[in-house]
PDB file of N, CA and C in Angstrom:
ATOM      1  N   UNK A   1     129.296   9.629   1.607  1.00  0.00           N
ATOM      2  CA  UNK A   1     129.533   9.263   2.995  1.00  0.00           C
ATOM      3  C   UNK A   1     128.510   8.273   3.477  1.00  0.00           C
ATOM      4  N   UNK A   2     127.712   7.847   2.442  1.00  0.00           N
ATOM      5  CA  UNK A   2     126.651   6.917   2.757  1.00  0.00           C
ATOM      6  C   UNK A   2     126.908   5.394   2.197  1.00  0.00           C
ATOM      7  N   UNK A   3     128.017   5.179   1.598  1.00  0.00           N
ATOM      8  CA  UNK A   3     128.302   3.837   1.128  1.00  0.00           C
ATOM      9  C   UNK A   3     129.604   3.304   1.632  1.00  0.00           C
ATOM     10  N   UNK A   4     129.410   2.044   2.148  1.00  0.00           N
ATOM     11  CA  UNK A   4     130.651   1.394   2.707  1.00  0.00           C
ATOM     12  C   UNK A   4     131.245   0.309   2.011  1.00  0.00           C
ATOM     13  N   UNK A   5     132.449   0.086   1.946  1.00  0.00           N
ATOM     14  CA  UNK A   5     133.069  -0.994   1.270  1.00  0.00           C
ATOM     15  C   UNK A   5     134.570  -0.960   1.428  1.00  0.00           C
ATOM     16  N   UNK A   6     135.312  -1.829   0.739  1.00  0.00           N
ATOM     17  CA  UNK A   6     136.703  -1.887   0.810  1.00  0.00           C
ATOM     18  C   UNK A   6     137.241  -2.014  -0.645  1.00  0.00           C
ATOM     19  N   UNK A   7     137.935  -0.856  -1.097  1.00  0.00           N
ATOM     20  CA  UNK A   7     138.444  -0.811  -2.273  1.00  0.00           C
ATOM     21  C   UNK A   7     139.510  -1.862  -2.528  1.00  0.00           C
ATOM     22  N   UNK A   8     139.767  -2.299  -3.891  1.00  0.00           N
ATOM     23  CA  UNK A   8     140.726  -3.615  -4.004  1.00  0.00           C
ATOM     24  C   UNK A   8     141.695  -3.028  -4.948  1.00  0.00           C
ATOM     25  N   UNK A   9     143.010  -2.955  -4.674  1.00  0.00           N
ATOM     26  CA  UNK A   9     144.036  -2.706  -5.502  1.00  0.00           C
ATOM     27  C   UNK A   9     144.323  -3.799  -6.629  1.00  0.00           C
ATOM     28  N   UNK A  10     144.313  -3.426  -7.725  1.00  0.00           N
ATOM     29  CA  UNK A  10     144.557  -4.563  -8.941  1.00  0.00           C
ATOM     30  C   UNK A  10     145.561  -5.499  -8.749  1.00  0.00           C
ATOM     31  N   UNK A  11     146.843  -4.982  -8.280  1.00  0.00           N
ATOM     32  CA  UNK A  11     147.975  -5.749  -8.219  1.00  0.00           C
ATOM     33  C   UNK A  11     147.725  -6.858  -6.968  1.00  0.00           C
ATOM     34  N   UNK A  12     147.105  -6.310  -6.062  1.00  0.00           N
ATOM     35  CA  UNK A  12     146.751  -7.189  -4.789  1.00  0.00           C
ATOM     36  C   UNK A  12     145.767  -8.133  -5.284  1.00  0.00           C
ATOM     37  N   UNK A  13     144.926  -7.811  -6.048  1.00  0.00           N
ATOM     38  CA  UNK A  13     143.807  -8.753  -6.552  1.00  0.00           C
ATOM     39  C   UNK A  13     144.507  -9.767  -7.515  1.00  0.00           C
ATOM     40  N   UNK A  14     145.363  -9.441  -8.389  1.00  0.00           N
ATOM     41  CA  UNK A  14     146.197 -10.311  -9.124  1.00  0.00           C
ATOM     42  C   UNK A  14     146.893 -11.423  -8.419  1.00  0.00           C
ATOM     43  N   UNK A  15     147.571 -10.996  -7.289  1.00  0.00           N
ATOM     44  CA  UNK A  15     148.282 -11.899  -6.409  1.00  0.00           C
ATOM     45  C   UNK A  15     147.197 -12.824  -5.622  1.00  0.00           C
ATOM     46  N   UNK A  16     146.157 -12.224  -5.287  1.00  0.00           N
ATOM     47  CA  UNK A  16     145.200 -13.218  -4.708  1.00  0.00           C
ATOM     48  C   UNK A  16     144.709 -14.175  -5.616  1.00  0.00           C
ATOM     49  N   UNK A  17     144.420 -13.901  -6.800  1.00  0.00           N
ATOM     50  CA  UNK A  17     143.963 -14.712  -7.898  1.00  0.00           C
ATOM     51  C   UNK A  17     145.028 -16.021  -7.998  1.00  0.00           C
ATOM     52  N   UNK A  18     146.353 -15.629  -8.106  1.00  0.00           N
ATOM     53  CA  UNK A  18     147.335 -16.553  -8.234  1.00  0.00           C
ATOM     54  C   UNK A  18     147.413 -17.524  -7.011  1.00  0.00           C
ATOM     55  N   UNK A  19     147.174 -16.957  -5.743  1.00  0.00           N
ATOM     56  CA  UNK A  19     147.174 -17.889  -4.512  1.00  0.00           C
ATOM     57  C   UNK A  19     145.940 -18.602  -4.503  1.00  0.00           C
ATOM     58  N   UNK A  20     144.752 -18.176  -5.081  1.00  0.00           N
ATOM     59  CA  UNK A  20     143.630 -19.136  -5.012  1.00  0.00           C
ATOM     60  C   UNK A  20     143.676 -20.196  -6.088  1.00  0.00           C
ATOM     61  N   UNK A  21     144.333 -19.838  -7.211  1.00  0.00           N
ATOM     62  CA  UNK A  21     144.533 -21.000  -8.169  1.00  0.00           C
ATOM     63  C   UNK A  21     145.623 -22.023  -7.672  1.00  0.00           C
ATOM     64  N   UNK A  22     146.529 -21.530  -7.019  1.00  0.00           N
ATOM     65  CA  UNK A  22     147.613 -22.410  -6.524  1.00  0.00           C
ATOM     66  C   UNK A  22     147.143 -23.493  -5.413  1.00  0.00           C
ATOM     67  N   UNK A  23     146.184 -22.867  -4.644  1.00  0.00           N
ATOM     68  CA  UNK A  23     145.554 -23.645  -3.673  1.00  0.00           C
ATOM     69  C   UNK A  23     144.168 -24.386  -3.924  1.00  0.00           C
ATOM     70  N   UNK A  24     143.911 -24.438  -5.145  1.00  0.00           N
ATOM     71  CA  UNK A  24     142.686 -25.182  -5.638  1.00  0.00           C
ATOM     72  C   UNK A  24     141.408 -24.723  -5.228  1.00  0.00           C
ATOM     73  N   UNK A  25     141.262 -23.290  -4.951  1.00  0.00           N
ATOM     74  CA  UNK A  25     140.030 -22.760  -4.621  1.00  0.00           C
ATOM     75  C   UNK A  25     138.910 -22.761  -5.742  1.00  0.00           C
ATOM     76  N   UNK A  26     137.648 -23.139  -5.517  1.00  0.00           N
ATOM     77  CA  UNK A  26     136.787 -23.127  -6.702  1.00  0.00           C
ATOM     78  C   UNK A  26     135.593 -22.511  -6.137  1.00  0.00           C
ATOM     79  N   UNK A  27     134.693 -22.399  -7.038  1.00  0.00           N
ATOM     80  CA  UNK A  27     133.442 -21.565  -6.812  1.00  0.00           C
ATOM     81  C   UNK A  27     133.486 -20.191  -6.700  1.00  0.00           C
ATOM     82  N   UNK A  28     132.456 -19.571  -5.962  1.00  0.00           N
ATOM     83  CA  UNK A  28     132.315 -18.179  -5.816  1.00  0.00           C
ATOM     84  C   UNK A  28     133.245 -17.659  -4.619  1.00  0.00           C
ATOM     85  N   UNK A  29     134.422 -16.860  -4.976  1.00  0.00           N
ATOM     86  CA  UNK A  29     135.220 -16.457  -3.840  1.00  0.00           C
ATOM     87  C   UNK A  29     135.397 -15.011  -3.938  1.00  0.00           C
ATOM     88  N   UNK A  30     134.981 -14.362  -2.820  1.00  0.00           N
ATOM     89  CA  UNK A  30     135.194 -12.875  -2.752  1.00  0.00           C
ATOM     90  C   UNK A  30     136.520 -12.419  -2.257  1.00  0.00           C
ATOM     91  N   UNK A  31     137.108 -11.421  -2.871  1.00  0.00           N
ATOM     92  CA  UNK A  31     138.430 -10.828  -2.564  1.00  0.00           C
ATOM     93  C   UNK A  31     138.176  -9.407  -2.471  1.00  0.00           C
ATOM     94  N   UNK A  32     138.544  -8.706  -1.362  1.00  0.00           N
ATOM     95  CA  UNK A  32     138.671  -7.317  -1.564  1.00  0.00           C
ATOM     96  C   UNK A  32     139.815  -6.704  -0.746  1.00  0.00           C
ATOM     97  N   UNK A  33     140.058  -5.458  -0.769  1.00  0.00           N
ATOM     98  CA  UNK A  33     141.156  -4.796   0.110  1.00  0.00           C
ATOM     99  C   UNK A  33     140.774  -5.312   1.552  1.00  0.00           C
ATOM    100  N   UNK A  34     141.843  -5.372   2.255  1.00  0.00           N
ATOM    101  CA  UNK A  34     141.614  -5.681   3.872  1.00  0.00           C
ATOM    102  C   UNK A  34     141.362  -4.554   4.589  1.00  0.00           C
ATOM    103  N   UNK A  35     141.281  -4.867   5.841  1.00  0.00           N
ATOM    104  CA  UNK A  35     141.034  -3.745   6.921  1.00  0.00           C
ATOM    105  C   UNK A  35     139.468  -3.553   7.039  1.00  0.00           C
ATOM    106  N   UNK A  36     139.234  -2.533   7.883  1.00  0.00           N
ATOM    107  CA  UNK A  36     137.774  -2.107   8.022  1.00  0.00           C
ATOM    108  C   UNK A  36     137.223  -1.381   6.909  1.00  0.00           C
ATOM    109  N   UNK A  37     135.997  -1.675   6.549  1.00  0.00           N
ATOM    110  CA  UNK A  37     135.386  -1.015   5.470  1.00  0.00           C
ATOM    111  C   UNK A  37     135.403   0.569   5.665  1.00  0.00           C
ATOM    112  N   UNK A  38     135.301   1.423   4.591  1.00  0.00           N
ATOM    113  CA  UNK A  38     135.237   2.736   4.639  1.00  0.00           C
ATOM    114  C   UNK A  38     134.217   3.248   3.762  1.00  0.00           C
ATOM    115  N   UNK A  39     134.063   4.497   3.799  1.00  0.00           N
ATOM    116  CA  UNK A  39     133.119   5.181   2.880  1.00  0.00           C
ATOM    117  C   UNK A  39     133.828   5.793   1.637  1.00  0.00           C
ATOM    118  N   UNK A  40     133.156   6.359   0.667  1.00  0.00           N
ATOM    119  CA  UNK A  40     133.802   6.988  -0.397  1.00  0.00           C
ATOM    120  C   UNK A  40     134.581   8.144   0.086  1.00  0.00           C
ATOM    121  N   UNK A  41     133.931   8.842   1.114  1.00  0.00           N
ATOM    122  CA  UNK A  41     134.523  10.037   1.712  1.00  0.00           C
ATOM    123  C   UNK A  41     135.880   9.448   2.378  1.00  0.00           C
ATOM    124  N   UNK A  42     135.996   8.510   3.066  1.00  0.00           N
ATOM    125  CA  UNK A  42     137.257   7.915   3.567  1.00  0.00           C
ATOM    126  C   UNK A  42     138.244   7.688   2.660  1.00  0.00           C
ATOM    127  N   UNK A  43     137.808   7.170   1.391  1.00  0.00           N
ATOM    128  CA  UNK A  43     138.784   6.929   0.269  1.00  0.00           C
ATOM    129  C   UNK A  43     139.408   8.247  -0.056  1.00  0.00           C
ATOM    130  N   UNK A  44     138.426   9.372  -0.239  1.00  0.00           N
ATOM    131  CA  UNK A  44     139.007  10.584  -0.727  1.00  0.00           C
ATOM    132  C   UNK A  44     139.938  11.268   0.209  1.00  0.00           C
ATOM    133  N   UNK A  45     139.583  10.918   1.495  1.00  0.00           N
ATOM    134  CA  UNK A  45     140.461  11.626   2.582  1.00  0.00           C
ATOM    135  C   UNK A  45     141.890  10.872   2.490  1.00  0.00           C
ATOM    136  N   UNK A  46     141.851   9.527   2.282  1.00  0.00           N
ATOM    137  CA  UNK A  46     143.140   8.760   2.322  1.00  0.00           C
ATOM    138  C   UNK A  46     143.938   9.131   1.187  1.00  0.00           C
ATOM    139  N   UNK A  47     143.337   9.521  -0.006  1.00  0.00           N
ATOM    140  CA  UNK A  47     143.916   9.997  -1.341  1.00  0.00           C
ATOM    141  C   UNK A  47     144.523  11.414  -0.908  1.00  0.00           C
ATOM    142  N   UNK A  48     143.854  12.203  -0.446  1.00  0.00           N
ATOM    143  CA  UNK A  48     144.224  13.648  -0.133  1.00  0.00           C
ATOM    144  C   UNK A  48     145.396  13.689   0.860  1.00  0.00           C
ATOM    145  N   UNK A  49     145.229  12.823   1.881  1.00  0.00           N
ATOM    146  CA  UNK A  49     146.387  12.802   2.787  1.00  0.00           C
ATOM    147  C   UNK A  49     147.737  12.224   2.147  1.00  0.00           C
ATOM    148  N   UNK A  50     147.601  11.159   1.436  1.00  0.00           N
ATOM    149  CA  UNK A  50     148.811  10.589   0.753  1.00  0.00           C
ATOM    150  C   UNK A  50     149.414  11.566  -0.225  1.00  0.00           C
ATOM    151  N   UNK A  51     148.544  12.330  -0.940  1.00  0.00           N
ATOM    152  CA  UNK A  51     148.940  13.325  -1.848  1.00  0.00           C
ATOM    153  C   UNK A  51     149.519  14.557  -1.261  1.00  0.00           C
ATOM    154  N   UNK A  52     149.249  14.726   0.173  1.00  0.00           N
ATOM    155  CA  UNK A  52     149.723  15.865   1.003  1.00  0.00           C
ATOM    156  C   UNK A  52     149.094  17.272   0.329  1.00  0.00           C
ATOM    157  N   UNK A  53     147.761  17.120  -0.076  1.00  0.00           N
ATOM    158  CA  UNK A  53     147.001  18.230  -0.505  1.00  0.00           C
ATOM    159  C   UNK A  53     146.469  18.976   0.586  1.00  0.00           C
ATOM    160  N   UNK A  54     146.384  20.401   0.581  1.00  0.00           N
ATOM    161  CA  UNK A  54     145.752  21.130   1.437  1.00  0.00           C
ATOM    162  C   UNK A  54     144.244  21.271   1.249  1.00  0.00           C
ATOM    163  N   UNK A  55     143.576  20.273   1.273  1.00  0.00           N
ATOM    164  CA  UNK A  55     142.045  20.482   1.113  1.00  0.00           C
ATOM    165  C   UNK A  55     141.313  19.408   2.120  1.00  0.00           C
ATOM    166  N   UNK A  56     140.144  19.661   2.265  1.00  0.00           N
ATOM    167  CA  UNK A  56     139.274  18.681   3.098  1.00  0.00           C
ATOM    168  C   UNK A  56     138.006  18.282   2.254  1.00  0.00           C
ATOM    169  N   UNK A  57     137.576  17.069   2.717  1.00  0.00           N
ATOM    170  CA  UNK A  57     136.363  16.421   2.159  1.00  0.00           C
ATOM    171  C   UNK A  57     135.147  16.932   2.948  1.00  0.00           C
ATOM    172  N   UNK A  58     134.102  17.274   2.207  1.00  0.00           N
ATOM    173  CA  UNK A  58     132.933  17.677   2.783  1.00  0.00           C
ATOM    174  C   UNK A  58     132.076  16.364   2.682  1.00  0.00           C
ATOM    175  N   UNK A  59     131.820  15.745   3.696  1.00  0.00           N
ATOM    176  CA  UNK A  59     131.058  14.495   3.871  1.00  0.00           C
ATOM    177  C   UNK A  59     129.737  14.692   3.580  1.00  0.00           C
ATOM    178  N   UNK A  60     128.991  14.062   2.649  1.00  0.00           N
ATOM    179  CA  UNK A  60     127.654  14.030   2.340  1.00  0.00           C
ATOM    180  C   UNK A  60     127.095  12.775   2.081  1.00  0.00           C
ATOM    181  N   UNK A  61     125.898  12.348   2.491  1.00  0.00           N
ATOM    182  CA  UNK A  61     125.347  10.949   2.136  1.00  0.00           C
ATOM    183  C   UNK A  61     124.832  11.002   0.713  1.00  0.00           C
ATOM    184  N   UNK A  62     124.691   9.628   0.310  1.00  0.00           N
ATOM    185  CA  UNK A  62     124.318   9.474  -1.130  1.00  0.00           C
ATOM    186  C   UNK A  62     122.941  10.167  -1.347  1.00  0.00           C
ATOM    187  N   UNK A  63     122.023  10.234  -0.445  1.00  0.00           N
ATOM    188  CA  UNK A  63     120.760  10.986  -0.571  1.00  0.00           C
ATOM    189  C   UNK A  63     121.089  12.477  -0.792  1.00  0.00           C
ATOM    190  N   UNK A  64     121.946  12.989   0.030  1.00  0.00           N
ATOM    191  CA  UNK A  64     122.239  14.310   0.040  1.00  0.00           C
ATOM    192  C   UNK A  64     122.859  14.679  -1.512  1.00  0.00           C
ATOM    193  N   UNK A  65     123.780  13.831  -1.818  1.00  0.00           N
ATOM    194  CA  UNK A  65     124.377  14.117  -3.142  1.00  0.00           C
ATOM    195  C   UNK A  65     123.463  14.174  -4.319  1.00  0.00           C
ATOM    196  N   UNK A  66     122.541  13.277  -4.413  1.00  0.00           N
ATOM    197  CA  UNK A  66     121.538  13.123  -5.419  1.00  0.00           C
ATOM    198  C   UNK A  66     120.302  14.099  -5.196  1.00  0.00           C
ATOM    199  N   UNK A  67     120.104  14.685  -3.998  1.00  0.00           N
ATOM    200  CA  UNK A  67     118.983  15.527  -3.777  1.00  0.00           C
ATOM    201  C   UNK A  67     118.885  16.712  -4.868  1.00  0.00           C
ATOM    202  N   UNK A  68     117.787  16.888  -5.561  1.00  0.00           N
ATOM    203  CA  UNK A  68     117.576  17.901  -6.486  1.00  0.00           C
ATOM    204  C   UNK A  68     118.044  17.612  -7.840  1.00  0.00           C
ATOM    205  N   UNK A  69     118.824  16.444  -8.058  1.00  0.00           N
ATOM    206  CA  UNK A  69     119.326  16.155  -9.287  1.00  0.00           C
ATOM    207  C   UNK A  69     118.197  15.442 -10.166  1.00  0.00           C
ATOM    208  N   UNK A  70     118.293  15.799 -11.488  1.00  0.00           N
ATOM    209  CA  UNK A  70     117.202  15.271 -12.224  1.00  0.00           C
ATOM    210  C   UNK A  70     117.810  13.870 -13.066  1.00  0.00           C
ATOM    211  N   UNK A  71     117.062  13.141 -13.612  1.00  0.00           N
ATOM    212  CA  UNK A  71     117.413  11.896 -14.398  1.00  0.00           C
ATOM    213  C   UNK A  71     117.529  10.697 -13.462  1.00  0.00           C
ATOM    214  N   UNK A  72     117.760   9.672 -14.169  1.00  0.00           N
ATOM    215  CA  UNK A  72     117.741   8.405 -13.333  1.00  0.00           C
ATOM    216  C   UNK A  72     119.024   8.282 -12.417  1.00  0.00           C
ATOM    217  N   UNK A  73     118.896   7.609 -11.324  1.00  0.00           N
ATOM    218  CA  UNK A  73     119.954   7.500 -10.494  1.00  0.00           C
ATOM    219  C   UNK A  73     119.965   6.043 -10.135  1.00  0.00           C
ATOM    220  N   UNK A  74     121.166   5.472 -10.265  1.00  0.00           N
ATOM    221  CA  UNK A  74     121.420   3.977 -10.082  1.00  0.00           C
ATOM    222  C   UNK A  74     121.311   3.653  -8.575  1.00  0.00           C
ATOM    223  N   UNK A  75     120.659   2.803  -8.167  1.00  0.00           N
ATOM    224  CA  UNK A  75     120.449   2.358  -6.776  1.00  0.00           C
ATOM    225  C   UNK A  75     121.919   1.765  -6.347  1.00  0.00           C
ATOM    226  N   UNK A  76     122.404   2.134  -5.338  1.00  0.00           N
ATOM    227  CA  UNK A  76     123.636   1.659  -4.705  1.00  0.00           C
ATOM    228  C   UNK A  76     123.494   1.007  -3.289  1.00  0.00           C
ATOM    229  N   UNK A  77     124.070  -0.061  -2.899  1.00  0.00           N
ATOM    230  CA  UNK A  77     124.021  -0.528  -1.620  1.00  0.00           C
ATOM    231  C   UNK A  77     124.614   0.280  -0.573  1.00  0.00           C
ATOM    232  N   UNK A  78     124.070   0.446   0.555  1.00  0.00           N
ATOM    233  CA  UNK A  78     124.699   1.352   1.664  1.00  0.00           C
ATOM    234  C   UNK A  78     126.085   0.550   2.126  1.00  0.00           C
ATOM    235  N   UNK A  79     125.839  -0.851   2.103  1.00  0.00           N
ATOM    236  CA  UNK A  79     126.995  -1.636   2.553  1.00  0.00           C
ATOM    237  C   UNK A  79     127.449  -2.473   1.418  1.00  0.00           C
ATOM    238  N   UNK A  80     128.547  -2.412   0.982  1.00  0.00           N
ATOM    239  CA  UNK A  80     128.839  -3.485  -0.061  1.00  0.00           C
ATOM    240  C   UNK A  80     130.223  -4.349   0.333  1.00  0.00           C
ATOM    241  N   UNK A  81     130.310  -4.442   1.734  1.00  0.00           N
ATOM    242  CA  UNK A  81     131.201  -5.279   2.238  1.00  0.00           C
ATOM    243  C   UNK A  81     131.027  -6.753   1.899  1.00  0.00           C
ATOM    244  N   UNK A  82     132.067  -7.356   1.328  1.00  0.00           N
ATOM    245  CA  UNK A  82     131.860  -8.861   1.079  1.00  0.00           C
ATOM    246  C   UNK A  82     132.612  -9.759   1.981  1.00  0.00           C
ATOM    247  N   UNK A  83     132.017 -10.982   2.144  1.00  0.00           N
ATOM    248  CA  UNK A  83     132.552 -11.911   3.065  1.00  0.00           C
ATOM    249  C   UNK A  83     133.780 -12.436   2.271  1.00  0.00           C
ATOM    250  N   UNK A  84     134.943 -12.379   2.878  1.00  0.00           N
ATOM    251  CA  UNK A  84     136.268 -12.915   2.147  1.00  0.00           C
ATOM    252  C   UNK A  84     136.762 -14.075   3.031  1.00  0.00           C
ATOM    253  N   UNK A  85     135.947 -14.621   3.737  1.00  0.00           N
ATOM    254  CA  UNK A  85     136.350 -15.852   4.616  1.00  0.00           C
ATOM    255  C   UNK A  85     136.886 -17.052   3.816  1.00  0.00           C
ATOM    256  N   UNK A  86     136.287 -17.289   2.698  1.00  0.00           N
ATOM    257  CA  UNK A  86     136.568 -18.502   1.908  1.00  0.00           C
ATOM    258  C   UNK A  86     138.174 -18.111   1.349  1.00  0.00           C
ATOM    259  N   UNK A  87     138.226 -16.971   0.839  1.00  0.00           N
ATOM    260  CA  UNK A  87     139.530 -16.615   0.341  1.00  0.00           C
ATOM    261  C   UNK A  87     140.604 -16.655   1.391  1.00  0.00           C
ATOM    262  N   UNK A  88     140.176 -16.220   2.586  1.00  0.00           N
ATOM    263  CA  UNK A  88     141.106 -16.247   3.730  1.00  0.00           C
ATOM    264  C   UNK A  88     141.525 -17.476   4.177  1.00  0.00           C
ATOM    265  N   UNK A  89     140.537 -18.582   3.965  1.00  0.00           N
ATOM    266  CA  UNK A  89     140.749 -19.924   4.489  1.00  0.00           C
ATOM    267  C   UNK A  89     141.903 -20.725   3.589  1.00  0.00           C
ATOM    268  N   UNK A  90     142.148 -20.068   2.379  1.00  0.00           N
ATOM    269  CA  UNK A  90     143.180 -20.751   1.563  1.00  0.00           C
ATOM    270  C   UNK A  90     144.404 -19.837   1.443  1.00  0.00           C
ATOM    271  N   UNK A  91     144.576 -18.931   2.317  1.00  0.00           N
ATOM    272  CA  UNK A  91     145.788 -18.080   2.412  1.00  0.00           C
ATOM    273  C   UNK A  91     145.700 -16.789   1.840  1.00  0.00           C
ATOM    274  N   UNK A  92     144.666 -16.242   1.399  1.00  0.00           N
ATOM    275  CA  UNK A  92     144.593 -14.939   0.761  1.00  0.00           C
ATOM    276  C   UNK A  92     144.301 -13.813   1.862  1.00  0.00           C
ATOM    277  N   UNK A  93     145.197 -12.942   2.006  1.00  0.00           N
ATOM    278  CA  UNK A  93     144.906 -11.875   3.004  1.00  0.00           C
ATOM    279  C   UNK A  93     145.489 -10.608   2.298  1.00  0.00           C
ATOM    280  N   UNK A  94     144.614  -9.749   1.880  1.00  0.00           N
ATOM    281  CA  UNK A  94     145.196  -8.594   1.259  1.00  0.00           C
ATOM    282  C   UNK A  94     145.408  -7.449   2.208  1.00  0.00           C
ATOM    283  N   UNK A  95     146.425  -6.696   1.901  1.00  0.00           N
ATOM    284  CA  UNK A  95     146.716  -5.470   2.926  1.00  0.00           C
ATOM    285  C   UNK A  95     145.566  -4.464   3.018  1.00  0.00           C
ATOM    286  N   UNK A  96     145.512  -3.735   4.093  1.00  0.00           N
ATOM    287  CA  UNK A  96     144.369  -2.867   4.181  1.00  0.00           C
ATOM    288  C   UNK A  96     144.251  -1.890   3.106  1.00  0.00           C
ATOM    289  N   UNK A  97     143.113  -1.711   2.692  1.00  0.00           N
ATOM    290  CA  UNK A  97     142.791  -0.786   1.549  1.00  0.00           C
ATOM    291  C   UNK A  97     143.534   0.625   1.796  1.00  0.00           C
ATOM    292  N   UNK A  98     143.566   1.141   2.983  1.00  0.00           N
ATOM    293  CA  UNK A  98     144.164   2.460   3.244  1.00  0.00           C
ATOM    294  C   UNK A  98     145.658   2.451   2.675  1.00  0.00           C
ATOM    295  N   UNK A  99     146.355   1.336   3.119  1.00  0.00           N
ATOM    296  CA  UNK A  99     147.775   1.201   2.698  1.00  0.00           C
ATOM    297  C   UNK A  99     147.902   1.157   1.292  1.00  0.00           C
ATOM    298  N   UNK A 100     147.000   0.270   0.598  1.00  0.00           N
ATOM    299  CA  UNK A 100     147.097   0.228  -0.842  1.00  0.00           C
ATOM    300  C   UNK A 100     146.845   1.427  -1.659  1.00  0.00           C
ATOM    301  N   UNK A 101     145.817   2.173  -1.179  1.00  0.00           N
ATOM    302  CA  UNK A 101     145.572   3.530  -1.863  1.00  0.00           C
ATOM    303  C   UNK A 101     146.735   4.422  -1.513  1.00  0.00           C
ATOM    304  N   UNK A 102     147.149   4.538  -0.363  1.00  0.00           N
ATOM    305  CA  UNK A 102     148.405   5.438  -0.173  1.00  0.00           C
ATOM    306  C   UNK A 102     149.547   5.078  -1.042  1.00  0.00           C
ATOM    307  N   UNK A 103     149.938   3.650  -1.002  1.00  0.00           N
ATOM    308  CA  UNK A 103     150.973   3.399  -1.772  1.00  0.00           C
ATOM    309  C   UNK A 103     150.838   3.831  -3.270  1.00  0.00           C
ATOM    310  N   UNK A 104     149.646   3.481  -3.785  1.00  0.00           N
ATOM    311  CA  UNK A 104     149.253   3.944  -5.241  1.00  0.00           C
ATOM    312  C   UNK A 104     149.546   5.292  -5.519  1.00  0.00           C
ATOM    313  N   UNK A 105     148.825   6.118  -4.664  1.00  0.00           N
ATOM    314  CA  UNK A 105     148.929   7.553  -4.778  1.00  0.00           C
ATOM    315  C   UNK A 105     150.396   8.021  -4.878  1.00  0.00           C
ATOM    316  N   UNK A 106     151.181   7.735  -3.784  1.00  0.00           N
ATOM    317  CA  UNK A 106     152.568   8.119  -3.781  1.00  0.00           C
ATOM    318  C   UNK A 106     153.395   7.625  -4.964  1.00  0.00           C
ATOM    319  N   UNK A 107     153.170   6.388  -5.430  1.00  0.00           N
ATOM    320  CA  UNK A 107     153.875   5.944  -6.549  1.00  0.00           C
ATOM    321  C   UNK A 107     153.468   6.710  -7.779  1.00  0.00           C
ATOM    322  N   UNK A 108     152.182   6.922  -7.923  1.00  0.00           N
ATOM    323  CA  UNK A 108     151.839   7.751  -9.110  1.00  0.00           C
ATOM    324  C   UNK A 108     152.432   9.097  -9.004  1.00  0.00           C
ATOM    325  N   UNK A 109     152.368   9.702  -7.816  1.00  0.00           N
ATOM    326  CA  UNK A 109     153.043  11.071  -7.852  1.00  0.00           C
ATOM    327  C   UNK A 109     154.578  11.096  -8.061  1.00  0.00           C
ATOM    328  N   UNK A 110     155.255   9.959  -7.769  1.00  0.00           N
ATOM    329  CA  UNK A 110     156.700   9.938  -7.965  1.00  0.00           C
ATOM    330  C   UNK A 110     157.039   9.823  -9.497  1.00  0.00           C
ATOM    331  N   UNK A 111     156.079   9.001 -10.196  1.00  0.00           N
ATOM    332  CA  UNK A 111     156.366   8.705 -11.609  1.00  0.00           C
ATOM    333  C   UNK A 111     155.915   9.831 -12.482  1.00  0.00           C
ATOM    334  N   UNK A 112     155.140  10.758 -12.004  1.00  0.00           N
ATOM    335  CA  UNK A 112     154.670  11.915 -12.820  1.00  0.00           C
ATOM    336  C   UNK A 112     155.629  12.983 -12.957  1.00  0.00           C
TER     337      UNK A 112
END
């Protein structure tokens, strides 16, 4: 619960790349799932809700998760939100990440 970002659905990203190419975007362009940033705990809760599982997420910070563990730990930023304004300026707007995660989970459950 200590790292924030916006997950990106691969199909949404593919559509965004097509839009960027069609509109002549160049340079470094950030694209992420839309909506407000969430934590990995938020992502887990979204998956659990979409799958209608009878369980709960226990929210822990990154520091709590790694406390007492041995070995090297890769440093991760607490906030990995990217500025997607350049992509937005050429027409790229991805659906909220919660919607994308929910749709993916439900489609996966239907196909299994």
